[in-house]
Amino acid sequence: MLSRFKIICLVAFLMFGLTTVKAQIETSKWKALIAVGVNSPSQDGFVTPFEADGLNFPTINLGIQHMFTNQLGAKVDFGYNRFVNADNTPDFKVNYTRVNAQFVYDATPDFTFLPFGTGVVFHVGPGYSMIKPLDAYGDNKTSYLNAMGGMEFHYGISRTVSAYIDASYIMGFASDFDPITEGYGSFNGNLLTVTVGVAVSLSGCATCN
């Protein structure tokens, strides 16, 4: 009688575990991501005497992510960044927007020491950057290809929502301004961003919290 009870308990436990894992995988298939933070442009992306502030707000990232397996996936995301001149340099403002298609790797199972409910995700992929100076330098627009890579640290709030911190580096593949006067108020360098946001599941768990 006792052995039969143990077997029933074991089967129930396994079924519960499989159901939970399946639910977690389903809720991870499609996610919407939104994050806000700051940016820091590389100073070699400006022509003399222009120089940007070392820390600028805002950076806004919006994305849709799809996981093909438990650890591998892809996302398409859009980023908006604004940076301005540093003190004691000519006044300017620049809007930096980008669109990227990135591979996603959920490294959480590889970090067995992480507390329950936390995770680490890496992303990398190509994209396109569009630079639009404002005010007097509005005609000095430029655009070029980029490559973006970053790391996210997630903390689960519920089965469908996690908060995360993302640190990313965007490398621009742009030629020098020609002639150099076209570079006034514009930018052709790299960008570091740090954002805080939420990832919301769009699949697999329509009624859970």
N, C-alpha and C. Protein backbone atom coordinates (compact mmCIF):
# COMPACT_ATOMS: atom_id res chain seq x y z
N MET A 1 0.83 -1.21 0.00
CA MET A 1 0.00 0.00 0.00
C MET A 1 0.87 1.26 0.00
N LEU A 2 1.91 1.23 0.82
CA LEU A 2 2.81 2.38 0.92
C LEU A 2 3.57 2.58 -0.39
N SER A 3 4.01 1.47 -1.01
CA SER A 3 4.75 1.55 -2.27
C SER A 3 3.88 2.15 -3.36
N ARG A 4 2.59 1.72 -3.39
CA ARG A 4 1.67 2.25 -4.40
C ARG A 4 1.47 3.76 -4.19
N PHE A 5 1.40 4.19 -2.95
CA PHE A 5 1.25 5.62 -2.64
C PHE A 5 2.47 6.41 -3.12
N LYS A 6 3.66 5.83 -2.90
CA LYS A 6 4.89 6.50 -3.34
C LYS A 6 4.92 6.64 -4.85
N ILE A 7 4.47 5.58 -5.54
CA ILE A 7 4.47 5.63 -7.01
C ILE A 7 3.51 6.70 -7.51
N ILE A 8 2.33 6.78 -6.89
CA ILE A 8 1.35 7.80 -7.29
C ILE A 8 1.90 9.20 -7.05
N CYS A 9 2.56 9.39 -5.93
CA CYS A 9 3.16 10.70 -5.62
C CYS A 9 4.26 11.05 -6.61
N LEU A 10 5.07 10.06 -6.98
CA LEU A 10 6.16 10.30 -7.92
C LEU A 10 5.62 10.68 -9.29
N VAL A 11 4.60 9.94 -9.75
CA VAL A 11 4.00 10.25 -11.05
C VAL A 11 3.38 11.64 -11.05
N ALA A 12 2.68 11.98 -9.97
CA ALA A 12 2.06 13.31 -9.87
C ALA A 12 3.11 14.41 -9.88
N PHE A 13 4.20 14.17 -9.18
CA PHE A 13 5.29 15.16 -9.13
C PHE A 13 5.90 15.36 -10.52
N LEU A 14 6.15 14.26 -11.23
CA LEU A 14 6.73 14.36 -12.57
C LEU A 14 5.79 15.08 -13.53
N MET A 15 4.49 14.77 -13.45
CA MET A 15 3.53 15.42 -14.33
C MET A 15 3.46 16.92 -14.04
N PHE A 16 3.50 17.27 -12.76
CA PHE A 16 3.49 18.69 -12.39
C PHE A 16 4.73 19.40 -12.90
N GLY A 17 5.89 18.73 -12.77
CA GLY A 17 7.14 19.31 -13.23
C GLY A 17 7.15 19.53 -14.73
N LEU A 18 6.68 18.52 -15.49
CA LEU A 18 6.64 18.65 -16.94
C LEU A 18 5.67 19.73 -17.38
N THR A 19 4.53 19.82 -16.71
CA THR A 19 3.55 20.86 -17.04
C THR A 19 4.12 22.25 -16.78
N THR A 20 4.82 22.40 -15.66
CA THR A 20 5.42 23.69 -15.32
C THR A 20 6.49 24.09 -16.33
N VAL A 21 7.36 23.13 -16.69
CA VAL A 21 8.41 23.42 -17.68
C VAL A 21 7.81 23.80 -19.01
N LYS A 22 6.75 23.03 -19.44
CA LYS A 22 6.10 23.33 -20.71
C LYS A 22 5.50 24.72 -20.69
N ALA A 23 4.86 25.09 -19.58
CA ALA A 23 4.26 26.43 -19.46
C ALA A 23 5.33 27.51 -19.53
N GLN A 24 6.46 27.27 -18.88
CA GLN A 24 7.54 28.25 -18.92
C GLN A 24 8.08 28.41 -20.33
N ILE A 25 8.23 27.28 -21.06
CA ILE A 25 8.73 27.34 -22.43
C ILE A 25 7.73 28.08 -23.32
N GLU A 26 6.43 27.78 -23.16
CA GLU A 26 5.41 28.41 -23.97
C GLU A 26 5.37 29.92 -23.74
N THR A 27 5.48 30.34 -22.48
CA THR A 27 5.43 31.77 -22.19
C THR A 27 6.68 32.50 -22.66
N SER A 28 7.74 31.76 -22.96
CA SER A 28 8.98 32.37 -23.43
C SER A 28 9.06 32.45 -24.94
N LYS A 29 8.12 31.82 -25.66
CA LYS A 29 8.22 31.78 -27.12
C LYS A 29 8.17 33.16 -27.74
N TRP A 30 7.18 33.95 -27.37
CA TRP A 30 7.05 35.31 -27.89
C TRP A 30 7.05 36.30 -26.74
N LYS A 31 7.86 37.33 -26.87
CA LYS A 31 7.92 38.37 -25.84
C LYS A 31 8.02 39.75 -26.47
N ALA A 32 7.41 40.71 -25.80
CA ALA A 32 7.59 42.11 -26.13
C ALA A 32 8.54 42.72 -25.10
N LEU A 33 9.48 43.54 -25.57
CA LEU A 33 10.46 44.15 -24.68
C LEU A 33 10.43 45.65 -24.82
N ILE A 34 10.44 46.34 -23.69
CA ILE A 34 10.52 47.80 -23.69
C ILE A 34 11.47 48.23 -22.58
N ALA A 35 12.38 49.15 -22.90
CA ALA A 35 13.38 49.58 -21.92
C ALA A 35 13.73 51.04 -22.14
N VAL A 36 14.11 51.70 -21.06
CA VAL A 36 14.50 53.11 -21.09
C VAL A 36 15.80 53.26 -20.31
N GLY A 37 16.70 54.11 -20.80
CA GLY A 37 17.96 54.30 -20.09
C GLY A 37 18.78 55.45 -20.63
N VAL A 38 20.09 55.28 -20.59
CA VAL A 38 21.03 56.34 -20.96
C VAL A 38 21.99 55.82 -22.01
N ASN A 39 22.71 56.75 -22.65
CA ASN A 39 23.68 56.38 -23.67
C ASN A 39 24.95 57.22 -23.55
N SER A 40 26.02 56.68 -24.12
CA SER A 40 27.31 57.37 -24.12
C SER A 40 27.98 57.17 -25.49
N PRO A 41 28.00 58.22 -26.34
CA PRO A 41 28.62 58.08 -27.66
C PRO A 41 30.14 58.19 -27.59
N SER A 42 30.82 57.49 -28.50
CA SER A 42 32.28 57.59 -28.58
C SER A 42 32.66 58.96 -29.11
N GLN A 43 33.66 59.59 -28.51
CA GLN A 43 34.02 60.95 -28.88
C GLN A 43 34.70 61.03 -30.24
N ASP A 44 35.28 59.92 -30.70
CA ASP A 44 35.92 59.95 -32.03
C ASP A 44 34.91 59.93 -33.16
N GLY A 45 33.62 59.89 -32.83
CA GLY A 45 32.59 59.95 -33.85
C GLY A 45 32.20 61.36 -34.24
N PHE A 46 32.85 62.37 -33.65
CA PHE A 46 32.56 63.76 -33.94
C PHE A 46 33.78 64.43 -34.55
N VAL A 47 33.53 65.47 -35.32
CA VAL A 47 34.64 66.27 -35.85
C VAL A 47 34.93 67.38 -34.86
N THR A 48 36.17 67.82 -34.80
CA THR A 48 36.59 68.93 -33.94
C THR A 48 35.90 70.21 -34.39
N PRO A 49 35.38 71.04 -33.50
CA PRO A 49 35.53 71.03 -32.04
C PRO A 49 34.33 70.42 -31.31
N PHE A 50 33.52 69.63 -32.01
CA PHE A 50 32.31 69.08 -31.40
C PHE A 50 32.65 67.94 -30.44
N GLU A 51 31.92 67.90 -29.33
CA GLU A 51 32.11 66.85 -28.33
C GLU A 51 30.79 66.64 -27.60
N ALA A 52 30.43 65.37 -27.40
CA ALA A 52 29.15 65.06 -26.76
C ALA A 52 29.31 64.90 -25.26
N ASP A 53 28.21 65.11 -24.56
CA ASP A 53 28.18 64.83 -23.12
C ASP A 53 28.45 63.34 -22.91
N GLY A 54 29.14 63.00 -21.84
CA GLY A 54 29.51 61.61 -21.59
C GLY A 54 28.34 60.72 -21.26
N LEU A 55 27.24 61.28 -20.72
CA LEU A 55 26.06 60.51 -20.34
C LEU A 55 24.82 61.28 -20.78
N ASN A 56 23.98 60.61 -21.57
CA ASN A 56 22.84 61.29 -22.18
C ASN A 56 21.55 60.50 -21.97
N PHE A 57 20.45 61.24 -21.86
CA PHE A 57 19.11 60.67 -21.73
C PHE A 57 18.21 61.33 -22.76
N PRO A 58 17.30 60.59 -23.43
CA PRO A 58 16.97 59.19 -23.14
C PRO A 58 17.54 58.22 -24.17
N THR A 59 17.51 56.96 -23.82
CA THR A 59 17.60 55.84 -24.75
C THR A 59 16.33 55.02 -24.57
N ILE A 60 15.65 54.72 -25.67
CA ILE A 60 14.41 53.95 -25.63
C ILE A 60 14.54 52.77 -26.59
N ASN A 61 14.34 51.56 -26.09
CA ASN A 61 14.42 50.35 -26.92
C ASN A 61 13.08 49.62 -26.91
N LEU A 62 12.62 49.21 -28.10
CA LEU A 62 11.39 48.45 -28.25
C LEU A 62 11.69 47.23 -29.11
N GLY A 63 11.20 46.05 -28.71
CA GLY A 63 11.52 44.86 -29.49
C GLY A 63 10.48 43.76 -29.36
N ILE A 64 10.52 42.85 -30.34
CA ILE A 64 9.74 41.61 -30.33
C ILE A 64 10.72 40.45 -30.44
N GLN A 65 10.58 39.48 -29.54
CA GLN A 65 11.52 38.35 -29.47
C GLN A 65 10.78 37.02 -29.62
N HIS A 66 11.39 36.11 -30.38
CA HIS A 66 10.83 34.77 -30.56
C HIS A 66 11.92 33.74 -30.27
N MET A 67 11.62 32.76 -29.41
CA MET A 67 12.57 31.71 -29.09
C MET A 67 12.22 30.45 -29.89
N PHE A 68 13.21 29.94 -30.65
CA PHE A 68 13.03 28.73 -31.45
C PHE A 68 13.17 27.48 -30.58
N THR A 69 14.07 27.55 -29.61
CA THR A 69 14.26 26.48 -28.64
C THR A 69 14.27 27.09 -27.25
N ASN A 70 14.58 26.28 -26.25
CA ASN A 70 14.62 26.78 -24.88
C ASN A 70 15.69 27.85 -24.68
N GLN A 71 16.75 27.82 -25.54
CA GLN A 71 17.86 28.74 -25.35
C GLN A 71 18.16 29.63 -26.55
N LEU A 72 17.76 29.22 -27.75
CA LEU A 72 18.10 29.98 -28.95
C LEU A 72 16.89 30.68 -29.54
N GLY A 73 17.09 31.93 -29.95
CA GLY A 73 16.00 32.68 -30.53
C GLY A 73 16.50 33.86 -31.33
N ALA A 74 15.60 34.77 -31.65
CA ALA A 74 15.94 35.97 -32.42
C ALA A 74 14.98 37.08 -32.02
N LYS A 75 15.41 38.31 -32.26
CA LYS A 75 14.53 39.44 -32.00
C LYS A 75 14.80 40.55 -33.00
N VAL A 76 13.78 41.33 -33.23
CA VAL A 76 13.89 42.56 -34.02
C VAL A 76 13.57 43.71 -33.08
N ASP A 77 14.48 44.69 -33.04
CA ASP A 77 14.23 45.79 -32.11
C ASP A 77 14.62 47.13 -32.71
N PHE A 78 13.98 48.14 -32.17
CA PHE A 78 14.16 49.53 -32.58
C PHE A 78 14.71 50.32 -31.40
N GLY A 79 15.66 51.19 -31.66
CA GLY A 79 16.23 52.01 -30.60
C GLY A 79 16.26 53.48 -30.97
N TYR A 80 15.90 54.32 -30.01
CA TYR A 80 15.98 55.77 -30.17
C TYR A 80 16.90 56.32 -29.09
N ASN A 81 17.86 57.18 -29.51
CA ASN A 81 18.82 57.79 -28.58
C ASN A 81 18.94 59.27 -28.89
N ARG A 82 19.08 60.06 -27.86
CA ARG A 82 19.34 61.50 -28.01
C ARG A 82 20.60 61.84 -27.24
N PHE A 83 21.53 62.55 -27.89
CA PHE A 83 22.67 63.07 -27.14
C PHE A 83 22.94 64.50 -27.55
N VAL A 84 23.58 65.23 -26.62
CA VAL A 84 23.79 66.66 -26.77
C VAL A 84 25.26 67.00 -26.53
N ASN A 85 25.58 68.26 -26.76
CA ASN A 85 26.97 68.71 -26.62
C ASN A 85 27.42 68.73 -25.17
N ALA A 86 28.71 68.55 -24.99
CA ALA A 86 29.32 68.71 -23.67
C ALA A 86 29.48 70.20 -23.36
N ASP A 87 29.76 70.49 -22.11
CA ASP A 87 29.98 71.88 -21.72
C ASP A 87 31.18 72.46 -22.45
N ASN A 88 31.12 73.75 -22.74
CA ASN A 88 32.22 74.50 -23.36
C ASN A 88 32.55 74.00 -24.76
N THR A 89 31.56 73.43 -25.46
CA THR A 89 31.72 73.05 -26.87
C THR A 89 30.51 73.59 -27.63
N PRO A 90 30.59 73.67 -28.97
CA PRO A 90 29.44 74.21 -29.73
C PRO A 90 28.16 73.45 -29.45
N ASP A 91 27.05 74.18 -29.40
CA ASP A 91 25.76 73.58 -29.10
C ASP A 91 25.29 72.71 -30.25
N PHE A 92 24.77 71.53 -29.92
CA PHE A 92 24.14 70.67 -30.91
C PHE A 92 23.31 69.60 -30.20
N LYS A 93 22.38 69.03 -30.94
CA LYS A 93 21.60 67.88 -30.49
C LYS A 93 21.52 66.90 -31.64
N VAL A 94 21.58 65.60 -31.31
CA VAL A 94 21.54 64.57 -32.34
C VAL A 94 20.54 63.49 -31.95
N ASN A 95 19.69 63.13 -32.90
CA ASN A 95 18.83 61.95 -32.74
C ASN A 95 19.50 60.76 -33.44
N TYR A 96 19.73 59.71 -32.68
CA TYR A 96 20.34 58.47 -33.21
C TYR A 96 19.29 57.37 -33.10
N THR A 97 18.80 56.90 -34.24
CA THR A 97 17.85 55.79 -34.25
C THR A 97 18.48 54.59 -34.96
N ARG A 98 18.02 53.41 -34.60
CA ARG A 98 18.58 52.20 -35.19
C ARG A 98 17.50 51.13 -35.26
N VAL A 99 17.72 50.19 -36.19
CA VAL A 99 16.90 48.98 -36.29
C VAL A 99 17.86 47.81 -36.40
N ASN A 100 17.66 46.78 -35.56
CA ASN A 100 18.55 45.62 -35.56
C ASN A 100 17.78 44.31 -35.56
N ALA A 101 18.34 43.31 -36.24
CA ALA A 101 17.87 41.93 -36.16
C ALA A 101 18.96 41.14 -35.44
N GLN A 102 18.61 40.53 -34.29
CA GLN A 102 19.64 39.94 -33.45
C GLN A 102 19.33 38.50 -33.07
N PHE A 103 20.39 37.71 -32.99
CA PHE A 103 20.29 36.38 -32.41
C PHE A 103 20.26 36.51 -30.89
N VAL A 104 19.52 35.62 -30.25
CA VAL A 104 19.36 35.64 -28.80
C VAL A 104 19.79 34.29 -28.23
N TYR A 105 20.57 34.34 -27.17
CA TYR A 105 20.98 33.11 -26.49
C TYR A 105 20.67 33.25 -25.00
N ASP A 106 19.78 32.41 -24.50
CA ASP A 106 19.45 32.39 -23.08
C ASP A 106 20.45 31.49 -22.37
N ALA A 107 21.38 32.12 -21.67
CA ALA A 107 22.46 31.39 -21.01
C ALA A 107 22.12 30.98 -19.59
N THR A 108 20.88 31.16 -19.17
CA THR A 108 20.49 30.86 -17.79
C THR A 108 20.83 29.44 -17.36
N PRO A 109 20.55 28.40 -18.19
CA PRO A 109 20.89 27.04 -17.77
C PRO A 109 22.39 26.81 -17.60
N ASP A 110 23.21 27.64 -18.22
CA ASP A 110 24.67 27.51 -18.10
C ASP A 110 25.20 28.10 -16.80
N PHE A 111 24.42 28.99 -16.19
CA PHE A 111 24.83 29.62 -14.94
C PHE A 111 24.03 28.98 -13.80
N THR A 112 24.45 27.82 -13.38
CA THR A 112 23.70 27.05 -12.39
C THR A 112 23.68 27.71 -11.01
N PHE A 113 24.56 28.66 -10.77
CA PHE A 113 24.64 29.31 -9.46
C PHE A 113 23.65 30.46 -9.32
N LEU A 114 22.93 30.82 -10.40
CA LEU A 114 22.01 31.95 -10.33
C LEU A 114 20.82 31.63 -9.42
N PRO A 115 20.35 32.61 -8.65
CA PRO A 115 19.16 32.39 -7.82
C PRO A 115 17.94 32.07 -8.68
N PHE A 116 16.99 31.37 -8.12
CA PHE A 116 15.76 31.02 -8.83
C PHE A 116 15.02 32.29 -9.25
N GLY A 117 14.54 32.32 -10.47
CA GLY A 117 13.80 33.47 -10.96
C GLY A 117 14.65 34.50 -11.66
N THR A 118 15.96 34.28 -11.74
CA THR A 118 16.84 35.21 -12.44
C THR A 118 17.38 34.54 -13.71
N GLY A 119 17.88 35.34 -14.62
CA GLY A 119 18.39 34.79 -15.86
C GLY A 119 19.37 35.73 -16.55
N VAL A 120 20.17 35.17 -17.45
CA VAL A 120 21.13 35.93 -18.24
C VAL A 120 20.90 35.64 -19.71
N VAL A 121 20.78 36.69 -20.53
CA VAL A 121 20.52 36.54 -21.95
C VAL A 121 21.53 37.39 -22.73
N PHE A 122 22.12 36.79 -23.77
CA PHE A 122 23.03 37.50 -24.66
C PHE A 122 22.35 37.73 -26.01
N HIS A 123 22.68 38.84 -26.66
CA HIS A 123 22.12 39.12 -27.98
C HIS A 123 23.17 39.80 -28.86
N VAL A 124 23.14 39.50 -30.16
CA VAL A 124 24.09 40.09 -31.10
C VAL A 124 23.50 40.02 -32.51
N GLY A 125 23.76 41.06 -33.30
CA GLY A 125 23.26 41.04 -34.66
C GLY A 125 23.48 42.35 -35.40
N PRO A 126 23.27 42.32 -36.72
CA PRO A 126 23.49 43.50 -37.57
C PRO A 126 22.29 44.44 -37.55
N GLY A 127 22.53 45.65 -38.02
CA GLY A 127 21.44 46.62 -38.07
C GLY A 127 21.81 47.83 -38.91
N TYR A 128 20.98 48.85 -38.79
CA TYR A 128 21.14 50.07 -39.58
C TYR A 128 20.92 51.26 -38.67
N SER A 129 21.85 52.20 -38.69
CA SER A 129 21.79 53.40 -37.86
C SER A 129 21.45 54.62 -38.71
N MET A 130 20.59 55.49 -38.18
CA MET A 130 20.18 56.71 -38.87
C MET A 130 20.43 57.90 -37.95
N ILE A 131 21.27 58.83 -38.40
CA ILE A 131 21.69 59.97 -37.59
C ILE A 131 21.05 61.24 -38.13
N LYS A 132 20.38 61.98 -37.24
CA LYS A 132 19.73 63.22 -37.64
C LYS A 132 20.08 64.33 -36.66
N PRO A 133 21.02 65.21 -37.03
CA PRO A 133 21.29 66.38 -36.19
C PRO A 133 20.09 67.33 -36.21
N LEU A 134 19.92 68.09 -35.15
CA LEU A 134 18.81 69.01 -35.04
C LEU A 134 19.29 70.46 -35.16
N ASP A 135 18.34 71.37 -35.16
CA ASP A 135 18.60 72.81 -35.19
C ASP A 135 19.40 73.20 -36.43
N ALA A 136 20.51 73.92 -36.26
CA ALA A 136 21.24 74.49 -37.39
C ALA A 136 21.91 73.45 -38.27
N TYR A 137 22.10 72.24 -37.76
CA TYR A 137 22.83 71.22 -38.52
C TYR A 137 21.91 70.14 -39.07
N GLY A 138 20.63 70.48 -39.23
CA GLY A 138 19.64 69.48 -39.63
C GLY A 138 19.87 68.85 -40.98
N ASP A 139 20.62 69.50 -41.86
CA ASP A 139 20.87 68.93 -43.19
C ASP A 139 21.99 67.89 -43.19
N ASN A 140 22.72 67.79 -42.09
CA ASN A 140 23.87 66.88 -42.04
C ASN A 140 23.49 65.48 -41.58
N LYS A 141 22.44 64.94 -42.20
CA LYS A 141 22.00 63.59 -41.85
C LYS A 141 22.94 62.55 -42.48
N THR A 142 23.05 61.43 -41.80
CA THR A 142 23.84 60.32 -42.34
C THR A 142 23.27 59.00 -41.83
N SER A 143 23.63 57.92 -42.48
CA SER A 143 23.17 56.59 -42.07
C SER A 143 24.22 55.56 -42.47
N TYR A 144 24.25 54.45 -41.76
CA TYR A 144 25.26 53.43 -42.02
C TYR A 144 24.88 52.12 -41.31
N LEU A 145 25.56 51.05 -41.69
CA LEU A 145 25.35 49.75 -41.07
C LEU A 145 25.97 49.71 -39.68
N ASN A 146 25.44 48.84 -38.83
CA ASN A 146 26.02 48.68 -37.50
C ASN A 146 26.01 47.21 -37.09
N ALA A 147 26.69 46.91 -36.03
CA ALA A 147 26.63 45.60 -35.37
C ALA A 147 26.45 45.86 -33.89
N MET A 148 25.48 45.16 -33.29
CA MET A 148 25.12 45.41 -31.90
C MET A 148 25.27 44.13 -31.09
N GLY A 149 25.78 44.25 -29.88
CA GLY A 149 25.88 43.12 -28.98
C GLY A 149 25.63 43.57 -27.55
N GLY A 150 25.06 42.68 -26.75
CA GLY A 150 24.77 43.07 -25.38
C GLY A 150 24.43 41.90 -24.49
N MET A 151 24.22 42.22 -23.21
CA MET A 151 23.87 41.22 -22.20
C MET A 151 22.74 41.77 -21.34
N GLU A 152 21.76 40.90 -21.07
CA GLU A 152 20.63 41.26 -20.22
C GLU A 152 20.64 40.41 -18.96
N PHE A 153 20.28 41.02 -17.84
CA PHE A 153 20.07 40.29 -16.59
C PHE A 153 18.60 40.43 -16.22
N HIS A 154 17.89 39.28 -16.15
CA HIS A 154 16.45 39.28 -15.91
C HIS A 154 16.12 38.85 -14.49
N TYR A 155 15.04 39.43 -13.98
CA TYR A 155 14.47 39.00 -12.71
C TYR A 155 12.98 38.82 -12.88
N GLY A 156 12.50 37.59 -12.65
CA GLY A 156 11.10 37.29 -12.87
C GLY A 156 10.19 37.92 -11.84
N ILE A 157 9.21 38.69 -12.31
CA ILE A 157 8.20 39.28 -11.45
C ILE A 157 7.00 38.34 -11.34
N SER A 158 6.66 37.71 -12.47
CA SER A 158 5.59 36.71 -12.52
C SER A 158 5.94 35.74 -13.64
N ARG A 159 5.02 34.83 -13.94
CA ARG A 159 5.27 33.86 -15.01
C ARG A 159 5.30 34.51 -16.38
N THR A 160 4.74 35.70 -16.50
CA THR A 160 4.66 36.35 -17.80
C THR A 160 5.44 37.66 -17.90
N VAL A 161 5.97 38.15 -16.80
CA VAL A 161 6.66 39.45 -16.80
C VAL A 161 7.98 39.33 -16.07
N SER A 162 9.02 39.88 -16.67
CA SER A 162 10.31 39.98 -15.99
C SER A 162 10.87 41.38 -16.17
N ALA A 163 11.54 41.87 -15.15
CA ALA A 163 12.28 43.13 -15.25
C ALA A 163 13.72 42.80 -15.63
N TYR A 164 14.34 43.68 -16.39
CA TYR A 164 15.71 43.38 -16.81
C TYR A 164 16.56 44.64 -16.98
N ILE A 165 17.85 44.43 -16.87
CA ILE A 165 18.86 45.46 -17.15
C ILE A 165 19.66 45.01 -18.36
N ASP A 166 19.84 45.90 -19.31
CA ASP A 166 20.57 45.58 -20.54
C ASP A 166 21.74 46.54 -20.72
N ALA A 167 22.92 45.99 -20.99
CA ALA A 167 24.09 46.79 -21.37
C ALA A 167 24.49 46.37 -22.78
N SER A 168 24.49 47.32 -23.72
CA SER A 168 24.75 47.01 -25.13
C SER A 168 25.75 47.98 -25.73
N TYR A 169 26.46 47.47 -26.75
CA TYR A 169 27.43 48.29 -27.48
C TYR A 169 27.07 48.22 -28.96
N ILE A 170 26.94 49.38 -29.60
CA ILE A 170 26.59 49.46 -31.01
C ILE A 170 27.79 50.00 -31.78
N MET A 171 28.36 49.17 -32.63
CA MET A 171 29.52 49.57 -33.43
C MET A 171 29.06 50.02 -34.81
N GLY A 172 29.42 51.24 -35.17
CA GLY A 172 29.02 51.78 -36.47
C GLY A 172 30.06 51.53 -37.54
N PHE A 173 29.58 51.20 -38.74
CA PHE A 173 30.47 50.99 -39.89
C PHE A 173 30.26 52.14 -40.87
N ALA A 174 30.81 53.30 -40.50
CA ALA A 174 30.62 54.51 -41.29
C ALA A 174 31.97 55.04 -41.75
N SER A 175 31.98 55.65 -42.93
CA SER A 175 33.19 56.28 -43.45
C SER A 175 33.34 57.66 -42.84
N ASP A 176 34.53 58.25 -42.99
CA ASP A 176 34.74 59.61 -42.50
C ASP A 176 33.88 60.59 -43.29
N PHE A 177 33.52 61.71 -42.65
CA PHE A 177 32.74 62.73 -43.33
C PHE A 177 33.57 63.35 -44.46
N ASP A 178 32.92 63.56 -45.60
CA ASP A 178 33.63 64.10 -46.76
C ASP A 178 32.69 65.05 -47.52
N PRO A 179 33.00 66.36 -47.59
CA PRO A 179 34.11 66.98 -46.88
C PRO A 179 33.86 67.05 -45.37
N ILE A 180 34.88 67.39 -44.63
CA ILE A 180 34.78 67.33 -43.17
C ILE A 180 33.71 68.26 -42.63
N THR A 181 33.42 69.35 -43.37
CA THR A 181 32.40 70.29 -42.90
C THR A 181 31.04 69.64 -42.80
N GLU A 182 30.78 68.58 -43.56
CA GLU A 182 29.50 67.89 -43.48
C GLU A 182 29.31 67.20 -42.14
N GLY A 183 30.39 67.00 -41.41
CA GLY A 183 30.29 66.31 -40.14
C GLY A 183 29.88 67.18 -38.98
N TYR A 184 29.81 68.49 -39.18
CA TYR A 184 29.45 69.36 -38.07
C TYR A 184 28.05 69.02 -37.56
N GLY A 185 28.00 68.73 -36.27
CA GLY A 185 26.74 68.40 -35.66
C GLY A 185 26.26 66.99 -35.89
N SER A 186 27.01 66.18 -36.65
CA SER A 186 26.61 64.81 -36.94
C SER A 186 27.49 63.84 -36.16
N PHE A 187 27.35 62.54 -36.47
CA PHE A 187 28.02 61.51 -35.68
C PHE A 187 28.20 60.26 -36.52
N ASN A 188 29.41 59.68 -36.46
CA ASN A 188 29.66 58.44 -37.21
C ASN A 188 30.46 57.44 -36.37
N GLY A 189 30.19 57.41 -35.07
CA GLY A 189 30.96 56.55 -34.18
C GLY A 189 30.14 55.43 -33.54
N ASN A 190 30.60 54.96 -32.40
CA ASN A 190 29.97 53.86 -31.68
C ASN A 190 29.17 54.40 -30.49
N LEU A 191 28.30 53.55 -29.96
CA LEU A 191 27.41 54.00 -28.90
C LEU A 191 27.26 52.91 -27.84
N LEU A 192 27.42 53.30 -26.59
CA LEU A 192 27.18 52.41 -25.45
C LEU A 192 25.85 52.79 -24.81
N THR A 193 24.99 51.80 -24.54
CA THR A 193 23.71 52.08 -23.90
C THR A 193 23.51 51.18 -22.69
N VAL A 194 22.86 51.71 -21.67
CA VAL A 194 22.45 50.95 -20.49
C VAL A 194 20.99 51.28 -20.23
N THR A 195 20.14 50.25 -20.22
CA THR A 195 18.71 50.47 -20.07
C THR A 195 18.11 49.54 -19.02
N VAL A 196 16.95 49.94 -18.51
CA VAL A 196 16.16 49.14 -17.58
C VAL A 196 14.77 48.99 -18.18
N GLY A 197 14.23 47.76 -18.19
CA GLY A 197 12.93 47.58 -18.82
C GLY A 197 12.19 46.36 -18.34
N VAL A 198 11.14 46.01 -19.10
CA VAL A 198 10.33 44.83 -18.79
C VAL A 198 10.16 44.00 -20.06
N ALA A 199 10.11 42.67 -19.87
CA ALA A 199 9.81 41.73 -20.95
C ALA A 199 8.48 41.07 -20.60
N VAL A 200 7.53 41.13 -21.53
CA VAL A 200 6.18 40.62 -21.30
C VAL A 200 5.88 39.50 -22.28
N SER A 201 5.46 38.35 -21.77
CA SER A 201 5.14 37.20 -22.62
C SER A 201 3.88 37.47 -23.43
N LEU A 202 3.93 37.08 -24.70
CA LEU A 202 2.79 37.24 -25.59
C LEU A 202 2.18 35.91 -25.98
N SER A 203 2.65 34.82 -25.38
CA SER A 203 2.18 33.50 -25.76
C SER A 203 2.14 32.57 -24.57
N GLY A 204 1.28 31.54 -24.68
CA GLY A 204 1.35 30.38 -23.79
C GLY A 204 0.66 30.47 -22.46
N CYS A 205 0.28 31.68 -22.02
CA CYS A 205 -0.28 31.76 -20.66
C CYS A 205 -1.23 32.94 -20.58
N ALA A 206 -2.35 32.84 -21.25
CA ALA A 206 -3.25 33.97 -21.38
C ALA A 206 -3.93 34.36 -20.07
N THR A 207 -4.05 33.41 -19.13
CA THR A 207 -4.81 33.69 -17.90
C THR A 207 -3.97 33.75 -16.64
N CYS A 208 -2.66 33.40 -16.74
CA CYS A 208 -1.88 33.40 -15.49
C CYS A 208 -1.30 34.77 -15.22
N ASN A 209 -0.94 35.01 -13.95
CA ASN A 209 -0.43 36.31 -13.52
C ASN A 209 1.09 36.32 -13.55
